[in-house]
Amino acid sequence: MLRIAIPSTTLSAKVFEQDTLPTPPNGTETEVNGELILLFEDEEEAVAYLDKLEDYSTELDNKSPEKPIINALVSAINNDEFVQAYLR
């Protein structure tokens, strides 16, 4: 199981309920400190989800309230050391 933390206490699992964002395949968890954790089976699944987010992002207007949320998710996945190793 691959767990990727989103380094923001302002994001919670509720963003997937409130907005039309694609949900991670294995869902999410919330740490005690409030960090949102994205759950994936492996790096391949995380990269597939990353592609899905990037495709979704291109359909949005730059002023969309979802844009900064997607940017935070994409950044966290891209910066994960296991995802980086997988992409090499």
Protein backbone atom coordinates (compact mmCIF):
# COMPACT_ATOMS: atom_id res chain seq x y z
CA MET A 1 0.00 0.00 0.00
CA LEU A 2 1.35 3.40 -1.02
CA ARG A 3 0.33 6.33 1.17
CA ILE A 4 0.93 9.88 -0.07
CA ALA A 5 0.43 12.74 2.38
CA ILE A 6 -0.93 16.06 1.16
CA PRO A 7 1.03 18.68 3.14
CA SER A 8 -1.92 20.93 3.87
CA THR A 9 -4.25 20.91 6.83
CA THR A 10 -6.80 22.89 4.81
CA LEU A 11 -7.57 19.89 2.57
CA SER A 12 -9.65 17.00 3.83
CA ALA A 13 -11.41 14.02 2.31
CA LYS A 14 -14.48 16.24 2.05
CA VAL A 15 -13.01 17.93 -1.06
CA PHE A 16 -13.88 14.76 -2.98
CA GLU A 17 -17.48 14.98 -1.77
CA GLN A 18 -17.92 18.74 -2.24
CA ASP A 19 -16.27 19.01 -5.62
CA THR A 20 -16.29 16.75 -8.65
CA LEU A 21 -12.66 15.72 -8.19
CA PRO A 22 -11.73 12.17 -9.14
CA THR A 23 -11.36 10.07 -5.99
CA PRO A 24 -8.20 8.02 -5.40
CA PRO A 25 -8.86 4.33 -6.21
CA ASN A 26 -8.24 3.14 -2.63
CA GLY A 27 -9.72 6.19 -0.97
CA THR A 28 -8.24 8.51 1.62
CA GLU A 29 -7.45 8.73 5.31
CA THR A 30 -6.91 11.66 7.62
CA GLU A 31 -3.91 11.69 9.95
CA VAL A 32 -4.20 12.82 13.55
CA ASN A 33 -2.50 16.10 12.57
CA GLY A 34 -5.19 16.71 9.94
CA GLU A 35 -3.14 15.80 6.86
CA LEU A 36 -5.03 14.16 4.03
CA ILE A 37 -3.53 10.83 2.94
CA LEU A 38 -4.16 9.42 -0.54
CA LEU A 39 -4.13 5.61 -0.68
CA PHE A 40 -2.88 3.58 -3.64
CA GLU A 41 -2.12 -0.07 -4.21
CA ASP A 42 1.24 0.78 -5.78
CA GLU A 43 3.17 3.42 -7.72
CA GLU A 44 1.57 2.43 -11.02
CA GLU A 45 -1.87 3.16 -9.60
CA ALA A 46 -0.66 6.51 -8.22
CA VAL A 47 0.72 7.51 -11.64
CA ALA A 48 -2.55 6.50 -13.34
CA TYR A 49 -4.44 8.67 -10.85
CA LEU A 50 -1.96 11.49 -11.46
CA ASP A 51 -2.70 11.28 -15.20
CA LYS A 52 -6.43 11.37 -14.46
CA LEU A 53 -6.00 14.49 -12.30
CA GLU A 54 -3.90 16.22 -14.95
CA ASP A 55 -6.51 15.45 -17.63
CA TYR A 56 -9.26 16.75 -15.36
CA SER A 57 -7.24 19.88 -14.60
CA THR A 58 -6.90 20.79 -18.28
CA GLU A 59 -10.70 20.89 -18.54
CA LEU A 60 -10.97 23.48 -15.75
CA ASP A 61 -10.78 27.23 -15.99
CA ASN A 62 -7.67 28.66 -14.30
CA LYS A 63 -9.90 30.55 -11.86
CA SER A 64 -11.80 27.43 -10.83
CA PRO A 65 -11.82 26.85 -7.06
CA GLU A 66 -10.77 23.24 -7.76
CA LYS A 67 -7.55 24.30 -9.49
CA PRO A 68 -5.44 24.90 -6.32
CA ILE A 69 -6.70 21.64 -4.84
CA ILE A 70 -5.70 19.69 -7.93
CA ASN A 71 -2.34 21.46 -7.99
CA ALA A 72 -1.71 20.41 -4.37
CA LEU A 73 -2.64 16.79 -5.14
CA VAL A 74 -0.54 16.66 -8.33
CA SER A 75 2.43 18.24 -6.58
CA ALA A 76 2.29 15.80 -3.65
CA ILE A 77 2.08 12.77 -5.96
CA ASN A 78 4.87 14.06 -8.22
CA ASN A 79 7.10 14.74 -5.22
CA ASP A 80 6.63 11.31 -3.66
CA GLU A 81 9.97 9.50 -3.66
CA PHE A 82 8.44 6.15 -4.67
CA VAL A 83 6.53 7.68 -7.58
CA GLN A 84 9.70 9.49 -8.71
CA ALA A 85 11.65 6.21 -8.62
CA TYR A 86 8.87 4.47 -10.57
CA LEU A 87 8.92 7.15 -13.27
CA ARG A 88 12.67 6.82 -13.86
